[in-house]
Amino acid sequence: MAGTATPATKLLVEHRIDHNVHSYAHDARAESYGSEAVDALGETVGVTAHQVFKTLVIKLDTGKLAVAVVPVPEKLSLKAAAAALGASKAVMAERTEAERSTGYVFGGISPLGQRKALPTVVDASALDWDRVLCSAGRRGLEIELAPADLVRLSGAVTAAVTAG
């Protein structure tokens, strides 16, 4: 596990959660971190784009930050995410605010092992899969785990939060 230790992977080991860590060469020119992960791991790991989830930090109208975890190909419904987390509205958080709060770098924010655990919603579609992938806390590093473990360890609620 050398080179793959992050707060997220350490949390999984600490809780004895069955998981796999997948790494790939991150391209600094990548325009979409999620699409890069799908392209790099889709065939080698044997997953579809809808099994790879991106972590988005949002700001609720209460002023608090929160996290929405959605499939890479989908767009987040800010209204649905806000409602799932007990707020009326939400906007995307500023990059620096997201990094400061989670302790992770933009493009490598994991829903697990954040510096300060944020309220989290995982799109309900995750429950349709035996295994899903999400950021391990570093660009070019993904965790594969059961969606129930992702939901439990992140303290998430599940809801339909995509805009499609």
N, C-alpha and C. Protein backbone atom coordinates (compact mmCIF):
# COMPACT_ATOMS: atom_id res chain seq x y z
N MET A 1 0.82 -1.19 0.00
CA MET A 1 0.00 0.00 0.00
C MET A 1 0.87 1.26 0.00
N ALA A 2 2.14 1.10 -0.24
CA ALA A 2 3.03 2.26 -0.28
C ALA A 2 2.59 3.22 -1.37
N GLY A 3 2.56 4.49 -1.05
CA GLY A 3 2.17 5.50 -2.01
C GLY A 3 0.67 5.68 -2.15
N THR A 4 -0.10 4.86 -1.46
CA THR A 4 -1.55 4.97 -1.55
C THR A 4 -2.19 5.35 -0.22
N ALA A 5 -1.38 5.65 0.77
CA ALA A 5 -1.93 6.00 2.08
C ALA A 5 -2.43 7.44 2.08
N THR A 6 -3.72 7.59 2.28
CA THR A 6 -4.37 8.89 2.42
C THR A 6 -5.30 8.77 3.62
N PRO A 7 -5.83 9.87 4.12
CA PRO A 7 -6.81 9.75 5.20
C PRO A 7 -7.98 8.82 4.84
N ALA A 8 -8.38 8.83 3.58
CA ALA A 8 -9.50 7.96 3.15
C ALA A 8 -9.12 6.48 3.21
N THR A 9 -7.95 6.13 2.69
CA THR A 9 -7.55 4.73 2.71
C THR A 9 -7.25 4.27 4.13
N LYS A 10 -6.69 5.14 4.93
CA LYS A 10 -6.43 4.79 6.34
C LYS A 10 -7.73 4.52 7.08
N LEU A 11 -8.78 5.31 6.79
CA LEU A 11 -10.08 5.11 7.41
C LEU A 11 -10.64 3.73 7.05
N LEU A 12 -10.50 3.34 5.78
CA LEU A 12 -11.00 2.04 5.34
C LEU A 12 -10.25 0.90 6.03
N VAL A 13 -8.95 1.03 6.16
CA VAL A 13 -8.15 0.01 6.84
C VAL A 13 -8.53 -0.05 8.32
N GLU A 14 -8.65 1.11 8.93
CA GLU A 14 -8.99 1.18 10.35
C GLU A 14 -10.33 0.49 10.65
N HIS A 15 -11.29 0.63 9.74
CA HIS A 15 -12.62 0.04 9.93
C HIS A 15 -12.74 -1.35 9.29
N ARG A 16 -11.62 -1.85 8.78
CA ARG A 16 -11.56 -3.18 8.17
C ARG A 16 -12.60 -3.34 7.05
N ILE A 17 -12.68 -2.32 6.20
CA ILE A 17 -13.61 -2.33 5.08
C ILE A 17 -12.93 -2.96 3.86
N ASP A 18 -13.61 -3.91 3.25
CA ASP A 18 -13.11 -4.54 2.03
C ASP A 18 -13.06 -3.49 0.93
N HIS A 19 -11.90 -3.26 0.38
CA HIS A 19 -11.74 -2.26 -0.67
C HIS A 19 -10.50 -2.55 -1.51
N ASN A 20 -10.45 -1.92 -2.66
CA ASN A 20 -9.27 -1.96 -3.52
C ASN A 20 -8.89 -0.53 -3.85
N VAL A 21 -7.61 -0.28 -3.94
CA VAL A 21 -7.11 1.03 -4.33
C VAL A 21 -6.54 0.89 -5.74
N HIS A 22 -6.99 1.78 -6.62
CA HIS A 22 -6.53 1.77 -8.01
C HIS A 22 -5.83 3.09 -8.30
N SER A 23 -4.65 3.00 -8.89
CA SER A 23 -3.94 4.22 -9.24
C SER A 23 -3.76 4.29 -10.76
N TYR A 24 -3.61 5.49 -11.23
CA TYR A 24 -3.34 5.74 -12.65
C TYR A 24 -2.52 7.01 -12.75
N ALA A 25 -1.87 7.20 -13.88
CA ALA A 25 -1.05 8.39 -14.09
C ALA A 25 -1.95 9.59 -14.36
N HIS A 26 -2.00 10.50 -13.41
CA HIS A 26 -2.81 11.72 -13.56
C HIS A 26 -2.13 12.66 -14.56
N ASP A 27 -2.92 13.18 -15.48
CA ASP A 27 -2.43 14.14 -16.47
C ASP A 27 -2.83 15.53 -16.00
N ALA A 28 -1.86 16.36 -15.71
CA ALA A 28 -2.13 17.72 -15.21
C ALA A 28 -2.95 18.55 -16.18
N ARG A 29 -3.00 18.14 -17.44
CA ARG A 29 -3.79 18.87 -18.43
C ARG A 29 -5.24 18.39 -18.52
N ALA A 30 -5.61 17.40 -17.74
CA ALA A 30 -6.97 16.84 -17.79
C ALA A 30 -7.99 17.92 -17.46
N GLU A 31 -9.03 17.99 -18.27
CA GLU A 31 -10.07 18.99 -18.05
C GLU A 31 -11.12 18.50 -17.06
N SER A 32 -11.32 17.20 -16.99
CA SER A 32 -12.29 16.61 -16.07
C SER A 32 -11.62 15.48 -15.32
N TYR A 33 -11.46 15.66 -14.01
CA TYR A 33 -10.81 14.63 -13.20
C TYR A 33 -11.61 13.33 -13.20
N GLY A 34 -12.93 13.45 -13.15
CA GLY A 34 -13.77 12.26 -13.14
C GLY A 34 -13.67 11.49 -14.44
N SER A 35 -13.74 12.19 -15.56
CA SER A 35 -13.63 11.53 -16.86
C SER A 35 -12.26 10.89 -17.03
N GLU A 36 -11.24 11.53 -16.51
CA GLU A 36 -9.90 10.97 -16.57
C GLU A 36 -9.86 9.63 -15.83
N ALA A 37 -10.50 9.57 -14.66
CA ALA A 37 -10.54 8.32 -13.88
C ALA A 37 -11.30 7.24 -14.64
N VAL A 38 -12.43 7.61 -15.24
CA VAL A 38 -13.21 6.65 -16.01
C VAL A 38 -12.39 6.11 -17.17
N ASP A 39 -11.75 7.01 -17.91
CA ASP A 39 -10.94 6.60 -19.06
C ASP A 39 -9.77 5.71 -18.64
N ALA A 40 -9.16 6.04 -17.53
CA ALA A 40 -7.98 5.30 -17.09
C ALA A 40 -8.32 3.94 -16.49
N LEU A 41 -9.46 3.85 -15.80
CA LEU A 41 -9.76 2.64 -15.05
C LEU A 41 -10.93 1.81 -15.57
N GLY A 42 -11.76 2.40 -16.40
CA GLY A 42 -12.97 1.71 -16.85
C GLY A 42 -12.73 0.30 -17.33
N GLU A 43 -11.84 0.14 -18.30
CA GLU A 43 -11.58 -1.18 -18.86
C GLU A 43 -10.73 -2.05 -17.95
N THR A 44 -9.69 -1.48 -17.35
CA THR A 44 -8.78 -2.29 -16.53
C THR A 44 -9.46 -2.82 -15.27
N VAL A 45 -10.36 -2.03 -14.69
CA VAL A 45 -11.05 -2.46 -13.48
C VAL A 45 -12.37 -3.15 -13.83
N GLY A 46 -12.88 -2.87 -15.03
CA GLY A 46 -14.13 -3.49 -15.45
C GLY A 46 -15.36 -2.81 -14.88
N VAL A 47 -15.36 -1.48 -14.89
CA VAL A 47 -16.52 -0.73 -14.40
C VAL A 47 -17.02 0.21 -15.49
N THR A 48 -18.28 0.59 -15.37
CA THR A 48 -18.85 1.57 -16.29
C THR A 48 -18.68 2.96 -15.70
N ALA A 49 -18.87 3.97 -16.52
CA ALA A 49 -18.74 5.35 -16.06
C ALA A 49 -19.69 5.67 -14.92
N HIS A 50 -20.86 5.00 -14.90
CA HIS A 50 -21.85 5.27 -13.84
C HIS A 50 -21.49 4.63 -12.50
N GLN A 51 -20.42 3.82 -12.48
CA GLN A 51 -19.95 3.24 -11.22
C GLN A 51 -18.83 4.08 -10.61
N VAL A 52 -18.35 5.06 -11.35
CA VAL A 52 -17.29 5.94 -10.86
C VAL A 52 -17.95 7.24 -10.42
N PHE A 53 -17.76 7.58 -9.15
CA PHE A 53 -18.45 8.73 -8.57
C PHE A 53 -17.49 9.88 -8.30
N LYS A 54 -17.98 11.09 -8.55
CA LYS A 54 -17.20 12.30 -8.27
C LYS A 54 -17.73 12.92 -6.98
N THR A 55 -16.83 13.58 -6.29
CA THR A 55 -17.15 14.22 -5.01
C THR A 55 -17.20 15.73 -5.24
N LEU A 56 -18.37 16.31 -5.01
CA LEU A 56 -18.56 17.75 -5.22
C LEU A 56 -18.87 18.42 -3.89
N VAL A 57 -18.16 19.49 -3.60
CA VAL A 57 -18.41 20.24 -2.37
C VAL A 57 -19.34 21.40 -2.71
N ILE A 58 -20.43 21.49 -1.95
CA ILE A 58 -21.43 22.53 -2.17
C ILE A 58 -21.59 23.37 -0.92
N LYS A 59 -22.17 24.53 -1.11
CA LYS A 59 -22.45 25.41 0.03
C LYS A 59 -23.96 25.58 0.12
N LEU A 60 -24.50 25.19 1.25
CA LEU A 60 -25.95 25.27 1.47
C LEU A 60 -26.35 26.69 1.83
N ASP A 61 -27.62 27.01 1.66
CA ASP A 61 -28.08 28.35 1.99
C ASP A 61 -28.02 28.65 3.48
N THR A 62 -27.70 27.63 4.27
CA THR A 62 -27.48 27.83 5.70
C THR A 62 -26.08 28.37 5.97
N GLY A 63 -25.25 28.39 4.89
CA GLY A 63 -23.87 28.84 5.02
C GLY A 63 -22.89 27.71 5.26
N LYS A 64 -23.41 26.49 5.47
CA LYS A 64 -22.55 25.35 5.74
C LYS A 64 -22.16 24.63 4.46
N LEU A 65 -20.97 24.07 4.48
CA LEU A 65 -20.52 23.25 3.36
C LEU A 65 -21.08 21.84 3.50
N ALA A 66 -21.22 21.17 2.37
CA ALA A 66 -21.70 19.80 2.34
C ALA A 66 -21.08 19.12 1.12
N VAL A 67 -21.30 17.81 1.01
CA VAL A 67 -20.73 17.03 -0.07
C VAL A 67 -21.83 16.29 -0.80
N ALA A 68 -21.74 16.28 -2.12
CA ALA A 68 -22.63 15.48 -2.96
C ALA A 68 -21.76 14.53 -3.78
N VAL A 69 -22.12 13.27 -3.80
CA VAL A 69 -21.36 12.25 -4.50
C VAL A 69 -22.26 11.69 -5.61
N VAL A 70 -21.86 11.93 -6.86
CA VAL A 70 -22.70 11.57 -8.01
C VAL A 70 -21.87 10.86 -9.09
N PRO A 71 -22.53 10.08 -9.94
CA PRO A 71 -21.80 9.41 -11.02
C PRO A 71 -21.12 10.44 -11.93
N VAL A 72 -19.93 10.12 -12.39
CA VAL A 72 -19.15 11.04 -13.22
C VAL A 72 -19.94 11.59 -14.42
N PRO A 73 -20.70 10.76 -15.16
CA PRO A 73 -21.36 11.31 -16.35
C PRO A 73 -22.55 12.22 -16.05
N GLU A 74 -23.00 12.24 -14.81
CA GLU A 74 -24.21 12.98 -14.45
C GLU A 74 -23.89 14.38 -13.92
N LYS A 75 -24.88 15.25 -14.03
CA LYS A 75 -24.79 16.59 -13.45
C LYS A 75 -25.53 16.58 -12.13
N LEU A 76 -25.02 17.31 -11.18
CA LEU A 76 -25.65 17.44 -9.87
C LEU A 76 -26.83 18.39 -9.94
N SER A 77 -27.94 18.00 -9.34
CA SER A 77 -29.06 18.91 -9.13
C SER A 77 -28.82 19.57 -7.78
N LEU A 78 -28.41 20.83 -7.81
CA LEU A 78 -28.15 21.55 -6.56
C LEU A 78 -29.40 21.62 -5.70
N LYS A 79 -30.55 21.78 -6.32
CA LYS A 79 -31.82 21.86 -5.59
C LYS A 79 -32.11 20.53 -4.88
N ALA A 80 -31.92 19.41 -5.59
CA ALA A 80 -32.18 18.10 -4.98
C ALA A 80 -31.18 17.81 -3.86
N ALA A 81 -29.91 18.17 -4.07
CA ALA A 81 -28.90 17.94 -3.04
C ALA A 81 -29.22 18.77 -1.80
N ALA A 82 -29.59 20.03 -2.00
CA ALA A 82 -29.94 20.88 -0.87
C ALA A 82 -31.12 20.28 -0.10
N ALA A 83 -32.14 19.86 -0.82
CA ALA A 83 -33.33 19.29 -0.18
C ALA A 83 -32.97 18.03 0.61
N ALA A 84 -32.12 17.18 0.04
CA ALA A 84 -31.72 15.95 0.73
C ALA A 84 -30.96 16.23 2.01
N LEU A 85 -30.32 17.41 2.07
CA LEU A 85 -29.54 17.77 3.24
C LEU A 85 -30.25 18.78 4.14
N GLY A 86 -31.56 18.97 3.90
CA GLY A 86 -32.37 19.82 4.77
C GLY A 86 -32.24 21.30 4.52
N ALA A 87 -31.83 21.69 3.33
CA ALA A 87 -31.70 23.11 3.00
C ALA A 87 -32.60 23.43 1.81
N SER A 88 -32.75 24.71 1.53
CA SER A 88 -33.58 25.13 0.40
C SER A 88 -32.79 25.25 -0.89
N LYS A 89 -31.58 25.76 -0.78
CA LYS A 89 -30.76 26.01 -1.96
C LYS A 89 -29.32 25.65 -1.68
N ALA A 90 -28.58 25.51 -2.78
CA ALA A 90 -27.14 25.26 -2.67
C ALA A 90 -26.45 25.82 -3.91
N VAL A 91 -25.19 26.14 -3.75
CA VAL A 91 -24.33 26.55 -4.85
C VAL A 91 -23.04 25.74 -4.73
N MET A 92 -22.28 25.69 -5.81
CA MET A 92 -20.99 25.03 -5.74
C MET A 92 -20.07 25.84 -4.82
N ALA A 93 -19.33 25.16 -3.97
CA ALA A 93 -18.40 25.83 -3.06
C ALA A 93 -17.20 26.34 -3.85
N GLU A 94 -16.58 27.37 -3.32
CA GLU A 94 -15.33 27.87 -3.91
C GLU A 94 -14.25 26.81 -3.72
N ARG A 95 -13.39 26.71 -4.70
CA ARG A 95 -12.31 25.72 -4.69
C ARG A 95 -11.48 25.79 -3.41
N THR A 96 -11.03 26.98 -3.04
CA THR A 96 -10.17 27.12 -1.85
C THR A 96 -10.92 26.74 -0.58
N GLU A 97 -12.19 27.07 -0.53
CA GLU A 97 -13.02 26.73 0.63
C GLU A 97 -13.17 25.21 0.75
N ALA A 98 -13.37 24.54 -0.40
CA ALA A 98 -13.51 23.09 -0.42
C ALA A 98 -12.21 22.41 0.03
N GLU A 99 -11.10 22.90 -0.47
CA GLU A 99 -9.80 22.32 -0.11
C GLU A 99 -9.49 22.53 1.36
N ARG A 100 -9.73 23.72 1.85
CA ARG A 100 -9.44 24.04 3.25
C ARG A 100 -10.28 23.18 4.19
N SER A 101 -11.54 23.02 3.87
CA SER A 101 -12.44 22.27 4.75
C SER A 101 -12.18 20.77 4.73
N THR A 102 -11.93 20.22 3.54
CA THR A 102 -11.78 18.76 3.44
C THR A 102 -10.35 18.29 3.71
N GLY A 103 -9.37 19.16 3.47
CA GLY A 103 -7.98 18.75 3.61
C GLY A 103 -7.45 18.06 2.38
N TYR A 104 -8.24 18.02 1.33
CA TYR A 104 -7.84 17.40 0.07
C TYR A 104 -7.69 18.46 -1.01
N VAL A 105 -6.92 18.12 -2.05
CA VAL A 105 -6.72 19.02 -3.17
C VAL A 105 -7.87 18.84 -4.16
N PHE A 106 -8.27 19.93 -4.80
CA PHE A 106 -9.33 19.91 -5.81
C PHE A 106 -8.99 18.87 -6.87
N GLY A 107 -9.98 18.05 -7.23
CA GLY A 107 -9.74 16.97 -8.18
C GLY A 107 -9.34 15.68 -7.49
N GLY A 108 -9.12 15.75 -6.20
CA GLY A 108 -8.76 14.57 -5.41
C GLY A 108 -9.52 14.54 -4.10
N ILE A 109 -10.64 15.25 -4.04
CA ILE A 109 -11.42 15.29 -2.80
C ILE A 109 -12.19 13.98 -2.65
N SER A 110 -11.98 13.34 -1.54
CA SER A 110 -12.67 12.08 -1.24
C SER A 110 -13.84 12.35 -0.31
N PRO A 111 -14.91 11.56 -0.43
CA PRO A 111 -16.01 11.69 0.53
C PRO A 111 -15.64 11.08 1.89
N LEU A 112 -14.49 10.41 1.95
CA LEU A 112 -14.06 9.74 3.18
C LEU A 112 -12.79 10.39 3.73
N GLY A 113 -12.68 10.42 5.06
CA GLY A 113 -11.46 10.88 5.70
C GLY A 113 -11.20 12.37 5.59
N GLN A 114 -12.25 13.14 5.46
CA GLN A 114 -12.08 14.59 5.35
C GLN A 114 -11.61 15.17 6.67
N ARG A 115 -10.90 16.29 6.59
CA ARG A 115 -10.40 16.98 7.77
C ARG A 115 -11.56 17.26 8.74
N LYS A 116 -12.65 17.75 8.19
CA LYS A 116 -13.86 18.02 8.97
C LYS A 116 -15.00 17.34 8.22
N ALA A 117 -15.58 16.31 8.83
CA ALA A 117 -16.65 15.57 8.15
C ALA A 117 -17.81 16.50 7.83
N LEU A 118 -18.17 16.54 6.56
CA LEU A 118 -19.25 17.40 6.11
C LEU A 118 -20.52 16.58 5.88
N PRO A 119 -21.69 17.20 6.03
CA PRO A 119 -22.93 16.49 5.68
C PRO A 119 -22.81 16.01 4.24
N THR A 120 -23.22 14.79 3.99
CA THR A 120 -23.00 14.17 2.68
C THR A 120 -24.26 13.51 2.16
N VAL A 121 -24.46 13.65 0.85
CA VAL A 121 -25.51 12.91 0.15
C VAL A 121 -24.85 12.14 -0.98
N VAL A 122 -25.17 10.86 -1.06
CA VAL A 122 -24.70 10.01 -2.14
C VAL A 122 -25.89 9.73 -3.04
N ASP A 123 -25.70 9.92 -4.35
CA ASP A 123 -26.79 9.65 -5.27
C ASP A 123 -27.26 8.21 -5.10
N ALA A 124 -28.58 8.04 -5.06
CA ALA A 124 -29.18 6.73 -4.81
C ALA A 124 -28.78 5.68 -5.84
N SER A 125 -28.35 6.11 -7.03
CA SER A 125 -27.94 5.15 -8.06
C SER A 125 -26.74 4.31 -7.61
N ALA A 126 -25.98 4.78 -6.65
CA ALA A 126 -24.84 4.01 -6.15
C ALA A 126 -25.29 2.66 -5.62
N LEU A 127 -26.49 2.63 -5.05
CA LEU A 127 -27.00 1.40 -4.45
C LEU A 127 -27.36 0.35 -5.49
N ASP A 128 -27.37 0.72 -6.76
CA ASP A 128 -27.66 -0.23 -7.84
C ASP A 128 -26.45 -1.12 -8.17
N TRP A 129 -25.28 -0.78 -7.63
CA TRP A 129 -24.05 -1.48 -7.96
C TRP A 129 -23.52 -2.28 -6.77
N ASP A 130 -22.80 -3.36 -7.07
CA ASP A 130 -22.13 -4.12 -6.01
C ASP A 130 -20.91 -3.34 -5.51
N ARG A 131 -20.22 -2.67 -6.44
CA ARG A 131 -19.02 -1.91 -6.12
C ARG A 131 -19.06 -0.59 -6.86
N VAL A 132 -18.55 0.45 -6.21
CA VAL A 132 -18.42 1.77 -6.84
C VAL A 132 -17.00 2.27 -6.59
N LEU A 133 -16.60 3.26 -7.37
CA LEU A 133 -15.30 3.88 -7.18
C LEU A 133 -15.49 5.35 -6.86
N CYS A 134 -14.65 5.86 -5.99
CA CYS A 134 -14.63 7.28 -5.68
C CYS A 134 -13.19 7.66 -5.37
N SER A 135 -12.94 8.94 -5.27
CA SER A 135 -11.58 9.40 -5.03
C SER A 135 -11.04 8.87 -3.71
N ALA A 136 -9.77 8.50 -3.74
CA ALA A 136 -9.09 8.04 -2.54
C ALA A 136 -8.40 9.19 -1.81
N GLY A 137 -8.56 10.42 -2.35
CA GLY A 137 -7.98 11.56 -1.68
C GLY A 137 -6.76 12.14 -2.36
N ARG A 138 -6.52 11.70 -3.59
CA ARG A 138 -5.39 12.21 -4.36
C ARG A 138 -5.73 12.04 -5.84
N ARG A 139 -5.35 13.01 -6.65
CA ARG A 139 -5.55 12.86 -8.09
C ARG A 139 -4.80 11.62 -8.56
N GLY A 140 -5.48 10.80 -9.35
CA GLY A 140 -4.86 9.58 -9.85
C GLY A 140 -4.99 8.39 -8.93
N LEU A 141 -5.86 8.51 -7.91
CA LEU A 141 -6.03 7.42 -6.94
C LEU A 141 -7.51 7.27 -6.62
N GLU A 142 -8.04 6.07 -6.85
CA GLU A 142 -9.46 5.78 -6.62
C GLU A 142 -9.61 4.61 -5.67
N ILE A 143 -10.70 4.62 -4.92
CA ILE A 143 -11.05 3.52 -4.03
C ILE A 143 -12.24 2.79 -4.62
N GLU A 144 -12.18 1.47 -4.64
CA GLU A 144 -13.31 0.64 -5.04
C GLU A 144 -13.86 -0.02 -3.78
N LEU A 145 -15.16 0.16 -3.53
CA LEU A 145 -15.77 -0.40 -2.33
C LEU A 145 -17.27 -0.59 -2.53
N ALA A 146 -17.89 -1.27 -1.60
CA ALA A 146 -19.34 -1.47 -1.64
C ALA A 146 -20.02 -0.13 -1.34
N PRO A 147 -21.08 0.20 -2.07
CA PRO A 147 -21.75 1.48 -1.83
C PRO A 147 -22.28 1.63 -0.41
N ALA A 148 -22.72 0.53 0.20
CA ALA A 148 -23.22 0.61 1.58
C ALA A 148 -22.11 1.06 2.53
N ASP A 149 -20.88 0.61 2.27
CA ASP A 149 -19.74 1.03 3.11
C ASP A 149 -19.44 2.51 2.90
N LEU A 150 -19.52 2.97 1.65
CA LEU A 150 -19.31 4.39 1.35
C LEU A 150 -20.33 5.24 2.10
N VAL A 151 -21.58 4.85 2.04
CA VAL A 151 -22.65 5.60 2.70
C VAL A 151 -22.45 5.60 4.22
N ARG A 152 -22.16 4.43 4.77
CA ARG A 152 -22.01 4.32 6.23
C ARG A 152 -20.81 5.11 6.74
N LEU A 153 -19.65 4.95 6.10
CA LEU A 153 -18.45 5.63 6.59
C LEU A 153 -18.47 7.14 6.37
N SER A 154 -19.20 7.60 5.36
CA SER A 154 -19.28 9.04 5.13
C SER A 154 -20.43 9.67 5.91
N GLY A 155 -21.24 8.83 6.56
CA GLY A 155 -22.39 9.35 7.30
C GLY A 155 -23.43 9.94 6.38
N ALA A 156 -23.49 9.44 5.16
CA ALA A 156 -24.33 10.04 4.12
C ALA A 156 -25.80 9.61 4.20
N VAL A 157 -26.60 10.44 3.58
CA VAL A 157 -27.96 10.06 3.23
C VAL A 157 -27.90 9.72 1.75
N THR A 158 -28.88 8.96 1.28
CA THR A 158 -28.95 8.69 -0.15
C THR A 158 -30.22 9.32 -0.70
N ALA A 159 -30.12 9.85 -1.89
CA ALA A 159 -31.26 10.48 -2.56
C ALA A 159 -30.92 10.63 -4.03
N ALA A 160 -31.94 10.77 -4.85
CA ALA A 160 -31.73 11.05 -6.27
C ALA A 160 -31.32 12.51 -6.38
N VAL A 161 -30.06 12.76 -6.68
CA VAL A 161 -29.56 14.14 -6.71
C VAL A 161 -28.92 14.53 -8.05
N THR A 162 -29.23 13.76 -9.09
CA THR A 162 -28.72 14.13 -10.40
C THR A 162 -29.78 14.94 -11.13
N ALA A 163 -29.33 15.69 -12.12
CA ALA A 163 -30.22 16.60 -12.84
C ALA A 163 -30.86 15.93 -14.05
N GLY A 164 -30.77 14.62 -14.15
CA GLY A 164 -31.27 13.97 -15.35
C GLY A 164 -32.43 13.10 -15.16
